[in-house]
């Protein structure tokens, strides 16, 4: 069910950003009096369609893209029969170059506007919550095995990141750290400052074998939240609001201490003591094979909650939107510098994993905003068959004052389609390889 939820969110996200992208082309084309023959979300085979006016609107079975077919335009359909006839007033090729350029950029513009508005709304309505570094440094942070591997220890206190103080503790794994080079932490360990260098492939190590590995996090004071019906916790009598203070004879105050004891006693029956209404209650519980008990957490850490003003949300949301493009460029830069392997790139068979297993609307719209901006950037690249390729030829036409011969446009379209299809096959191949690798690891 968790995978189905993630896949459903991925399909909805792609449907939204692709649908809006193609709507940008459709709206600008109709605005300039061009005939739009088809508007489809998804690729064939067709699920259903209907016709309104001159345009057929439809949904394709493969939810990995979409298209708009504009009369008189050399596009991915490679339907050039109509181009052999005399240009008609309603055709794309009959319109001025500046109008055709706007049509080609229409989808990109809509994706950028969608991404920017989403980032603004996420800040203004959702706000932001974080734990300050000063708060974390009262106890130090928890270092998981990957962090211990590079020299960090539980109880270390953060002094700076790359020589700069950070107010928000979650900035220790910001994009500038994960995608930068030669980054380091300065930590305080028992009064002594130590520099810890971060590996340049840290982002890869964090995401090996799928999912996100734990690295460092603040100590978590917690209470028991909702208890899953039929779970070991429920059968043991654990209740919402309980405070677990002892597990299998070991005192626990923070969640990482409880987790450590759970991992030691997977599938075993142990005693635990909880505080309930000011009294200590002894319970006996048999944990699952993975050590979990089946209850949610009430996080009792001191979070700072901030709701920016509308003006501040506009400024910061816009900055976040365009900053997300730079983050992706930095990520590809690491691949080209061979600091991370090429198989860290995910295609459609792996991208669903960026969504959460339970439906989280805030996270969903955050990912949708990211992908909308990324789709705009990719389509702006001057590659034939992409919007940017069409825009490149139109720009040359506007500068030279002469139309690019249609035969050249056709051949460029073919070259672009071959390049894109080859790239798609390679990415799908990497997805299949990673899935097979994970399955082998799981069953071995």
Protein backbone atom coordinates (compact mmCIF):
# COMPACT_ATOMS: atom_id res chain seq x y z
CA UNK A 1 0.00 0.00 0.00
CA UNK A 2 2.89 2.38 0.74
CA UNK A 3 4.32 1.93 -2.76
CA UNK A 4 0.86 2.42 -4.30
CA UNK A 5 0.51 5.71 -2.40
CA UNK A 6 3.92 6.89 -3.64
CA UNK A 7 3.15 5.89 -7.24
CA UNK A 8 -0.27 7.60 -7.08
CA UNK A 9 1.34 10.83 -5.87
CA UNK A 10 3.96 10.62 -8.63
CA UNK A 11 1.31 10.13 -11.34
CA UNK A 12 -0.81 13.00 -10.00
CA UNK A 13 2.24 15.26 -9.83
CA UNK A 14 3.32 14.46 -13.40
CA UNK A 15 -0.26 14.91 -14.63
CA UNK A 16 -0.45 18.37 -13.06
CA UNK A 17 2.87 19.75 -14.29
CA UNK A 18 2.64 18.19 -17.77
CA UNK A 19 -1.02 19.18 -18.14
CA UNK A 20 -0.21 22.78 -17.23
CA UNK A 21 2.85 22.79 -19.50
CA UNK A 22 0.83 21.68 -22.53
CA UNK A 23 -1.97 24.05 -21.53
CA UNK A 24 0.54 26.89 -21.85
CA UNK A 25 1.18 25.89 -25.48
CA UNK A 26 -2.54 25.44 -26.19
CA UNK A 27 -3.62 28.76 -24.67
CA UNK A 28 -0.98 30.86 -26.45
CA UNK A 29 -1.58 29.08 -29.77
CA UNK A 30 -5.33 29.73 -29.61
CA UNK A 31 -4.65 33.31 -28.50
CA UNK A 32 -2.81 33.94 -31.77
CA UNK A 33 -5.45 32.20 -33.86
CA UNK A 34 -3.60 28.95 -34.50
CA UNK A 35 -5.54 25.73 -34.91
CA UNK A 36 -4.80 23.26 -32.13
CA UNK A 37 -5.74 19.77 -33.31
CA UNK A 38 -4.92 17.73 -30.19
CA UNK A 39 -4.27 18.28 -26.47
CA UNK A 40 -3.26 15.10 -24.64
CA UNK A 41 -2.02 14.33 -21.13
CA UNK A 42 -0.12 11.05 -21.22
CA UNK A 43 1.09 9.08 -24.23
CA UNK A 44 -0.87 6.54 -26.34
CA UNK A 45 -2.64 4.20 -26.21
CA UNK A 46 -5.61 6.47 -25.66
CA UNK A 47 -7.84 5.94 -22.62
CA UNK A 48 -10.55 8.38 -23.68
CA UNK A 49 -10.98 11.63 -25.56
CA UNK A 50 -13.61 14.16 -26.58
CA UNK A 51 -13.71 16.90 -29.17
CA UNK A 52 -14.68 20.49 -28.52
CA UNK A 53 -14.50 22.85 -31.45
CA UNK A 54 -11.43 22.09 -33.55
CA UNK A 55 -9.47 20.43 -30.70
CA UNK A 56 -9.48 16.82 -29.50
CA UNK A 57 -8.80 16.58 -25.75
CA UNK A 58 -7.64 13.24 -24.38
CA UNK A 59 -5.87 11.14 -21.75
CA UNK A 60 -3.17 8.62 -22.69
CA UNK A 61 -2.42 5.41 -20.80
CA UNK A 62 1.29 6.15 -20.21
CA UNK A 63 1.43 9.01 -17.66
CA UNK A 64 4.96 10.17 -18.44
CA UNK A 65 4.31 13.20 -20.61
CA UNK A 66 1.85 14.82 -22.96
CA UNK A 67 1.62 16.78 -26.18
CA UNK A 68 -0.20 19.47 -28.11
CA UNK A 69 -0.51 19.15 -31.89
CA UNK A 70 -0.63 22.54 -33.59
CA UNK A 71 -1.47 22.71 -37.28
CA UNK A 72 1.48 23.56 -39.51
CA UNK A 73 4.19 22.83 -36.98
CA UNK A 74 7.08 20.35 -37.24
CA UNK A 75 6.79 18.44 -33.96
CA UNK A 76 7.45 15.03 -32.44
CA UNK A 77 4.58 13.46 -34.41
CA UNK A 78 6.67 13.98 -37.59
CA UNK A 79 3.41 14.43 -39.51
CA UNK A 80 4.74 16.50 -42.43
CA UNK A 81 2.01 15.80 -45.00
CA UNK A 82 0.25 19.08 -44.29
CA UNK A 83 3.53 20.95 -44.76
CA UNK A 84 3.52 19.97 -48.43
CA UNK A 85 0.47 22.19 -48.98
CA UNK A 86 0.34 25.96 -49.16
CA UNK A 87 0.43 27.57 -45.68
CA UNK A 88 -2.99 28.35 -44.24
CA UNK A 89 -3.70 31.47 -42.13
CA UNK A 90 -4.51 29.35 -39.08
CA UNK A 91 -1.26 27.37 -39.19
CA UNK A 92 1.72 27.79 -36.89
CA UNK A 93 4.10 28.37 -39.84
CA UNK A 94 1.97 31.27 -41.14
CA UNK A 95 2.30 33.36 -37.99
CA UNK A 96 5.03 35.94 -37.24
CA UNK A 97 8.18 34.56 -35.60
CA UNK A 98 7.56 36.45 -32.35
CA UNK A 99 4.13 34.81 -31.97
CA UNK A 100 5.55 31.36 -32.68
CA UNK A 101 8.30 32.01 -30.11
CA UNK A 102 5.74 32.89 -27.44
CA UNK A 103 3.80 29.70 -28.23
CA UNK A 104 6.95 27.60 -27.87
CA UNK A 105 7.82 29.27 -24.57
CA UNK A 106 4.21 29.11 -23.30
CA UNK A 107 4.63 25.77 -21.54
CA UNK A 108 7.91 26.81 -19.93
CA UNK A 109 6.40 30.09 -18.69
CA UNK A 110 3.41 28.27 -17.15
CA UNK A 111 5.70 25.77 -15.39
CA UNK A 112 7.83 28.58 -13.95
CA UNK A 113 4.75 30.49 -12.76
CA UNK A 114 3.34 27.28 -11.23
CA UNK A 115 6.59 26.55 -9.41
CA UNK A 116 7.01 30.08 -8.10
CA UNK A 117 3.38 30.33 -6.89
CA UNK A 118 3.65 26.92 -5.20
CA UNK A 119 6.84 27.90 -3.35
CA UNK A 120 5.27 31.20 -2.25
CA UNK A 121 2.11 29.48 -0.99
CA UNK A 122 4.09 26.80 0.85
CA UNK A 123 5.91 29.49 2.80
CA UNK A 124 2.94 31.79 3.40
CA UNK A 125 0.34 29.16 4.36
CA UNK A 126 2.57 26.33 5.57
CA UNK A 127 5.21 28.43 7.28
CA UNK A 128 8.48 26.85 8.33
CA UNK A 129 9.49 25.05 11.49
CA UNK A 130 12.99 24.22 12.58
CA UNK A 131 15.19 23.55 15.59
CA UNK A 132 17.93 26.08 16.22
CA UNK A 133 21.53 24.95 16.39
CA UNK A 134 21.73 26.58 19.82
CA UNK A 135 18.88 24.37 21.04
CA UNK A 136 20.53 21.22 19.64
CA UNK A 137 23.85 22.14 21.24
CA UNK A 138 22.30 21.94 24.72
CA UNK A 139 22.60 18.13 24.43
CA UNK A 140 24.54 17.58 21.20
CA UNK A 141 23.28 15.62 18.21
CA UNK A 142 22.78 11.94 17.45
CA UNK A 143 25.32 10.45 15.01
CA UNK A 144 24.14 7.39 13.07
CA UNK A 145 26.53 4.79 11.54
CA UNK A 146 27.14 6.77 8.35
CA UNK A 147 28.05 9.85 10.40
CA UNK A 148 30.25 7.78 12.72
CA UNK A 149 32.05 6.42 9.67
CA UNK A 150 33.39 9.91 8.84
CA UNK A 151 34.32 10.70 12.44
CA UNK A 152 31.22 12.21 14.07
CA UNK A 153 30.03 10.99 17.48
CA UNK A 154 26.74 11.15 19.36
CA UNK A 155 26.93 14.07 21.76
CA UNK A 156 29.04 16.26 19.44
CA UNK A 157 27.99 19.92 19.26
CA UNK A 158 28.00 21.86 15.99
CA UNK A 159 30.21 24.95 15.84
CA UNK A 160 29.94 25.81 12.12
CA UNK A 161 29.43 24.45 8.60
CA UNK A 162 32.16 25.36 6.11
CA UNK A 163 33.35 28.01 8.53
CA UNK A 164 29.92 29.67 8.82
CA UNK A 165 27.54 29.65 11.77
CA UNK A 166 24.10 28.18 10.98
CA UNK A 167 20.96 29.19 12.86
CA UNK A 168 18.80 26.31 11.62
CA UNK A 169 20.16 22.87 12.42
CA UNK A 170 18.64 21.31 9.28
CA UNK A 171 21.06 23.46 7.25
CA UNK A 172 23.78 20.93 8.14
CA UNK A 173 22.45 18.93 5.17
CA UNK A 174 21.48 21.82 2.90
CA UNK A 175 21.92 21.51 -0.86
CA UNK A 176 25.11 23.58 -0.68
CA UNK A 177 26.57 20.93 1.65
CA UNK A 178 25.28 17.84 -0.16
CA UNK A 179 26.15 19.14 -3.62
CA UNK A 180 29.23 21.18 -2.76
CA UNK A 181 32.84 20.00 -2.76
CA UNK A 182 35.34 19.79 0.12
CA UNK A 183 32.71 20.66 2.73
CA UNK A 184 33.34 20.23 6.43
CA UNK A 185 31.83 20.58 9.91
CA UNK A 186 33.56 22.09 12.91
CA UNK A 187 32.28 20.36 16.02
CA UNK A 188 32.86 20.74 19.74
CA UNK A 189 33.70 17.47 21.47
CA UNK A 190 34.23 17.74 25.21
CA UNK A 191 35.51 21.30 24.89
CA UNK A 192 37.81 20.59 21.93
CA UNK A 193 37.06 21.86 18.42
CA UNK A 194 37.53 19.29 15.66
CA UNK A 195 37.21 19.67 11.88
CA UNK A 196 35.31 16.80 10.22
CA UNK A 197 35.65 16.62 6.43
CA UNK A 198 32.59 15.43 4.50
CA UNK A 199 33.01 13.03 1.55
CA UNK A 200 32.13 14.55 -1.82
CA UNK A 201 29.85 11.59 -2.49
CA UNK A 202 27.89 12.04 0.75
CA UNK A 203 24.64 12.58 -1.17
CA UNK A 204 25.14 9.17 -2.80
CA UNK A 205 25.93 7.41 0.48
CA UNK A 206 22.80 8.90 2.05
CA UNK A 207 20.59 7.41 -0.65
CA UNK A 208 22.21 4.01 -1.25
CA UNK A 209 19.81 1.04 -1.51
CA UNK A 210 16.85 3.39 -1.90
CA UNK A 211 15.37 5.76 0.65
CA UNK A 212 17.29 8.22 2.79
CA UNK A 213 19.74 6.90 5.38
CA UNK A 214 19.82 8.61 8.78
CA UNK A 215 22.89 10.80 9.29
CA UNK A 216 22.74 13.22 12.20
CA UNK A 217 19.73 14.63 14.02
CA UNK A 218 18.87 16.40 17.28
CA UNK A 219 18.12 14.41 20.43
CA UNK A 220 14.36 13.81 20.52
CA UNK A 221 12.29 13.99 23.70
CA UNK A 222 9.04 12.19 22.90
CA UNK A 223 5.76 10.78 24.10
CA UNK A 224 3.74 7.93 22.63
CA UNK A 225 1.39 9.15 19.90
CA UNK A 226 -1.34 7.17 18.14
CA UNK A 227 -1.10 3.44 18.79
CA UNK A 228 -1.75 1.17 15.82
CA UNK A 229 -4.66 -1.22 16.36
CA UNK A 230 -3.49 -4.83 16.67
CA UNK A 231 0.18 -3.82 16.97
CA UNK A 232 2.58 -5.10 19.64
CA UNK A 233 2.23 -1.76 21.42
CA UNK A 234 -1.56 -2.09 21.45
CA UNK A 235 -1.45 -5.66 22.71
CA UNK A 236 0.97 -4.63 25.47
CA UNK A 237 -1.40 -1.89 26.66
CA UNK A 238 0.64 1.13 25.56
CA UNK A 239 -1.50 4.29 25.41
CA UNK A 240 -1.28 7.65 23.70
CA UNK A 241 0.50 10.12 25.98
CA UNK A 242 2.62 7.49 27.74
CA UNK A 243 6.27 8.32 28.33
CA UNK A 244 8.61 5.34 27.96
CA UNK A 245 11.34 5.62 30.61
CA UNK A 246 12.81 2.12 30.63
CA UNK A 247 13.11 -0.62 27.99
CA UNK A 248 14.41 -4.07 28.87
CA UNK A 249 16.01 -2.72 32.04
CA UNK A 250 17.79 0.17 30.30
CA UNK A 251 16.74 3.76 31.15
CA UNK A 252 15.66 5.76 28.07
CA UNK A 253 15.05 9.49 27.84
CA UNK A 254 15.43 10.15 24.11
CA UNK A 255 14.11 8.35 21.07
CA UNK A 256 17.52 7.30 19.75
CA UNK A 257 18.13 5.51 23.08
CA UNK A 258 14.85 3.61 22.72
CA UNK A 259 15.62 2.82 19.07
CA UNK A 260 19.01 1.41 20.03
CA UNK A 261 17.41 -0.97 22.55
CA UNK A 262 14.67 -1.94 20.10
CA UNK A 263 17.28 -2.90 17.50
CA UNK A 264 19.02 -5.09 20.10
CA UNK A 265 15.78 -6.92 20.91
CA UNK A 266 14.08 -7.46 17.55
CA UNK A 267 11.29 -10.03 17.80
CA UNK A 268 11.92 -10.57 21.52
CA UNK A 269 9.60 -10.24 24.52
CA UNK A 270 10.82 -7.61 26.98
CA UNK A 271 9.55 -5.49 29.88
CA UNK A 272 9.23 -1.74 29.66
CA UNK A 273 8.21 0.94 32.12
CA UNK A 274 6.08 3.94 31.15
CA UNK A 275 5.01 7.04 33.03
CA UNK A 276 1.23 7.48 32.90
CA UNK A 277 -0.68 10.13 34.85
CA UNK A 278 2.25 10.59 37.22
CA UNK A 279 2.64 6.86 37.93
CA UNK A 280 5.02 4.23 36.62
CA UNK A 281 3.35 1.31 34.80
CA UNK A 282 5.15 -1.91 33.85
CA UNK A 283 4.24 -3.48 30.49
CA UNK A 284 5.44 -6.55 28.62
CA UNK A 285 5.79 -6.28 24.83
CA UNK A 286 6.90 -8.56 22.01
CA UNK A 287 8.38 -6.44 19.22
CA UNK A 288 8.13 -7.12 15.51
CA UNK A 289 10.94 -8.70 13.51
CA UNK A 290 12.22 -5.23 12.59
CA UNK A 291 12.12 -4.08 16.23
CA UNK A 292 9.17 -1.69 15.88
CA UNK A 293 6.25 -1.66 18.28
CA UNK A 294 3.59 0.09 16.22
CA UNK A 295 3.07 3.57 17.62
CA UNK A 296 3.56 7.10 16.34
CA UNK A 297 5.73 9.68 18.08
CA UNK A 298 4.75 12.94 19.70
CA UNK A 299 7.84 15.05 19.10
CA UNK A 300 8.48 17.17 22.21
CA UNK A 301 11.48 19.07 20.90
CA UNK A 302 11.43 22.87 20.92
CA UNK A 303 10.68 23.90 17.34
CA UNK A 304 10.72 27.49 16.14
CA UNK A 305 7.62 28.08 13.98
CA UNK A 306 7.78 31.03 11.61
CA UNK A 307 5.13 32.36 9.22
CA UNK A 308 6.69 34.90 6.84
CA UNK A 309 4.67 37.92 5.73
CA UNK A 310 3.16 37.83 2.26
CA UNK A 311 5.84 40.13 0.89
CA UNK A 312 8.61 38.08 2.46
CA UNK A 313 6.99 34.88 1.16
CA UNK A 314 7.01 36.29 -2.38
CA UNK A 315 10.70 37.21 -2.18
CA UNK A 316 11.85 34.00 -0.49
CA UNK A 317 9.49 31.74 -2.44
CA UNK A 318 10.71 33.12 -5.75
CA UNK A 319 14.31 32.73 -4.61
CA UNK A 320 13.62 29.13 -3.53
CA UNK A 321 12.00 28.35 -6.89
CA UNK A 322 14.92 29.50 -9.02
CA UNK A 323 17.40 28.20 -6.44
CA UNK A 324 15.97 24.72 -6.95
CA UNK A 325 17.13 24.81 -10.57
CA UNK A 326 20.66 25.72 -9.49
CA UNK A 327 20.58 22.85 -6.99
CA UNK A 328 19.82 20.38 -9.78
CA UNK A 329 22.56 21.86 -11.95
CA UNK A 330 25.00 21.37 -9.07
CA UNK A 331 23.86 17.76 -8.77
CA UNK A 332 24.60 17.07 -12.43
CA UNK A 333 27.91 18.86 -11.99
CA UNK A 334 28.87 16.25 -9.37
CA UNK A 335 28.02 13.50 -11.85
CA UNK A 336 30.12 15.07 -14.60
CA UNK A 337 33.03 15.50 -12.14
CA UNK A 338 32.57 11.82 -11.19
CA UNK A 339 32.12 12.70 -7.53
CA UNK A 340 28.90 10.67 -7.57
CA UNK A 341 28.08 7.72 -9.87
CA UNK A 342 25.80 8.19 -12.87
CA UNK A 343 23.38 5.61 -11.47
CA UNK A 344 22.39 8.16 -8.82
CA UNK A 345 20.10 9.62 -11.51
CA UNK A 346 16.55 8.27 -11.29
CA UNK A 347 14.08 7.93 -14.13
CA UNK A 348 10.31 7.44 -14.03
CA UNK A 349 10.63 3.97 -12.46
CA UNK A 350 12.58 5.39 -9.53
CA UNK A 351 11.26 8.93 -9.12
CA UNK A 352 8.17 7.79 -7.20
CA UNK A 353 10.51 7.22 -4.23
CA UNK A 354 10.86 10.98 -3.69
CA UNK A 355 7.27 10.98 -2.42
CA UNK A 356 6.35 9.84 1.08
CA UNK A 357 4.67 6.54 1.86
CA UNK A 358 1.70 8.33 3.45
CA UNK A 359 -0.10 11.15 1.65
CA UNK A 360 1.43 14.44 2.79
CA UNK A 361 0.00 17.40 0.88
CA UNK A 362 2.73 19.82 1.96
CA UNK A 363 5.45 17.47 0.75
CA UNK A 364 3.45 16.67 -2.40
CA UNK A 365 3.20 20.33 -3.43
CA UNK A 366 6.86 20.90 -2.53
CA UNK A 367 7.94 18.10 -4.89
CA UNK A 368 5.46 19.29 -7.53
CA UNK A 369 6.95 22.79 -7.34
CA UNK A 370 10.48 21.38 -7.67
CA UNK A 371 9.60 19.22 -10.68
CA UNK A 372 7.68 22.04 -12.35
CA UNK A 373 10.76 24.27 -12.22
CA UNK A 374 12.99 21.42 -13.39
CA UNK A 375 10.66 20.61 -16.32
CA UNK A 376 10.82 24.27 -17.35
CA UNK A 377 14.62 24.25 -17.24
CA UNK A 378 14.97 20.97 -19.18
CA UNK A 379 12.57 22.18 -21.88
CA UNK A 380 14.51 25.43 -22.24
CA UNK A 381 17.68 23.59 -23.28
CA UNK A 382 18.50 24.31 -26.96
CA UNK A 383 18.03 20.68 -28.04
CA UNK A 384 15.96 19.92 -31.16
CA UNK A 385 12.61 18.29 -30.23
CA UNK A 386 12.49 20.28 -26.97
CA UNK A 387 10.80 23.68 -26.66
CA UNK A 388 14.24 25.24 -26.29
CA UNK A 389 15.31 23.78 -29.65
CA UNK A 390 12.30 25.32 -31.38
CA UNK A 391 12.97 28.61 -29.59
CA UNK A 392 16.60 28.52 -30.76
CA UNK A 393 15.60 28.23 -34.43
CA UNK A 394 12.95 30.93 -34.05
CA UNK A 395 15.48 33.25 -32.43
CA UNK A 396 17.85 32.68 -35.37
CA UNK A 397 14.99 33.49 -37.74
CA UNK A 398 14.20 36.72 -35.90
CA UNK A 399 17.87 37.77 -35.91
CA UNK A 400 18.53 36.89 -39.56
CA UNK A 401 15.15 37.92 -40.87
CA UNK A 402 14.88 34.66 -42.86
CA UNK A 403 12.91 31.51 -42.13
CA UNK A 404 14.79 28.30 -41.42
CA UNK A 405 14.00 25.84 -44.26
CA UNK A 406 11.41 23.26 -43.19
CA UNK A 407 13.67 20.39 -44.34
CA UNK A 408 16.30 21.51 -41.84
CA UNK A 409 13.68 21.71 -39.10
CA UNK A 410 12.47 18.19 -39.95
CA UNK A 411 15.99 16.74 -39.82
CA UNK A 412 16.79 18.58 -36.59
CA UNK A 413 13.58 17.19 -35.10
CA UNK A 414 14.60 13.64 -36.05
CA UNK A 415 18.07 14.09 -34.51
CA UNK A 416 16.55 15.53 -31.34
CA UNK A 417 14.04 12.69 -31.03
CA UNK A 418 16.80 10.08 -31.45
CA UNK A 419 18.89 11.79 -28.75
CA UNK A 420 15.97 12.02 -26.33
CA UNK A 421 14.81 8.45 -26.92
CA UNK A 422 18.35 7.16 -26.45
CA UNK A 423 18.66 9.09 -23.21
CA UNK A 424 15.29 7.78 -22.03
CA UNK A 425 16.31 4.18 -22.76
CA UNK A 426 19.55 4.66 -20.80
CA UNK A 427 17.72 6.17 -17.82
CA UNK A 428 15.09 3.41 -17.83
CA UNK A 429 17.92 0.89 -18.03
CA UNK A 430 19.52 2.42 -14.93
CA UNK A 431 16.17 2.27 -13.13
CA UNK A 432 15.75 -1.41 -13.97
CA UNK A 433 19.35 -2.13 -12.92
CA UNK A 434 18.86 -0.44 -9.54
CA UNK A 435 15.55 -2.24 -8.94
CA UNK A 436 17.19 -5.60 -9.74
CA UNK A 437 20.16 -4.76 -7.53
CA UNK A 438 17.88 -3.90 -4.59
CA UNK A 439 15.85 -7.10 -5.07
CA UNK A 440 19.00 -9.23 -5.11
CA UNK A 441 20.24 -7.45 -1.96
CA UNK A 442 16.86 -7.94 -0.27
CA UNK A 443 16.61 -11.69 -0.96
CA UNK A 444 20.28 -12.52 -0.44
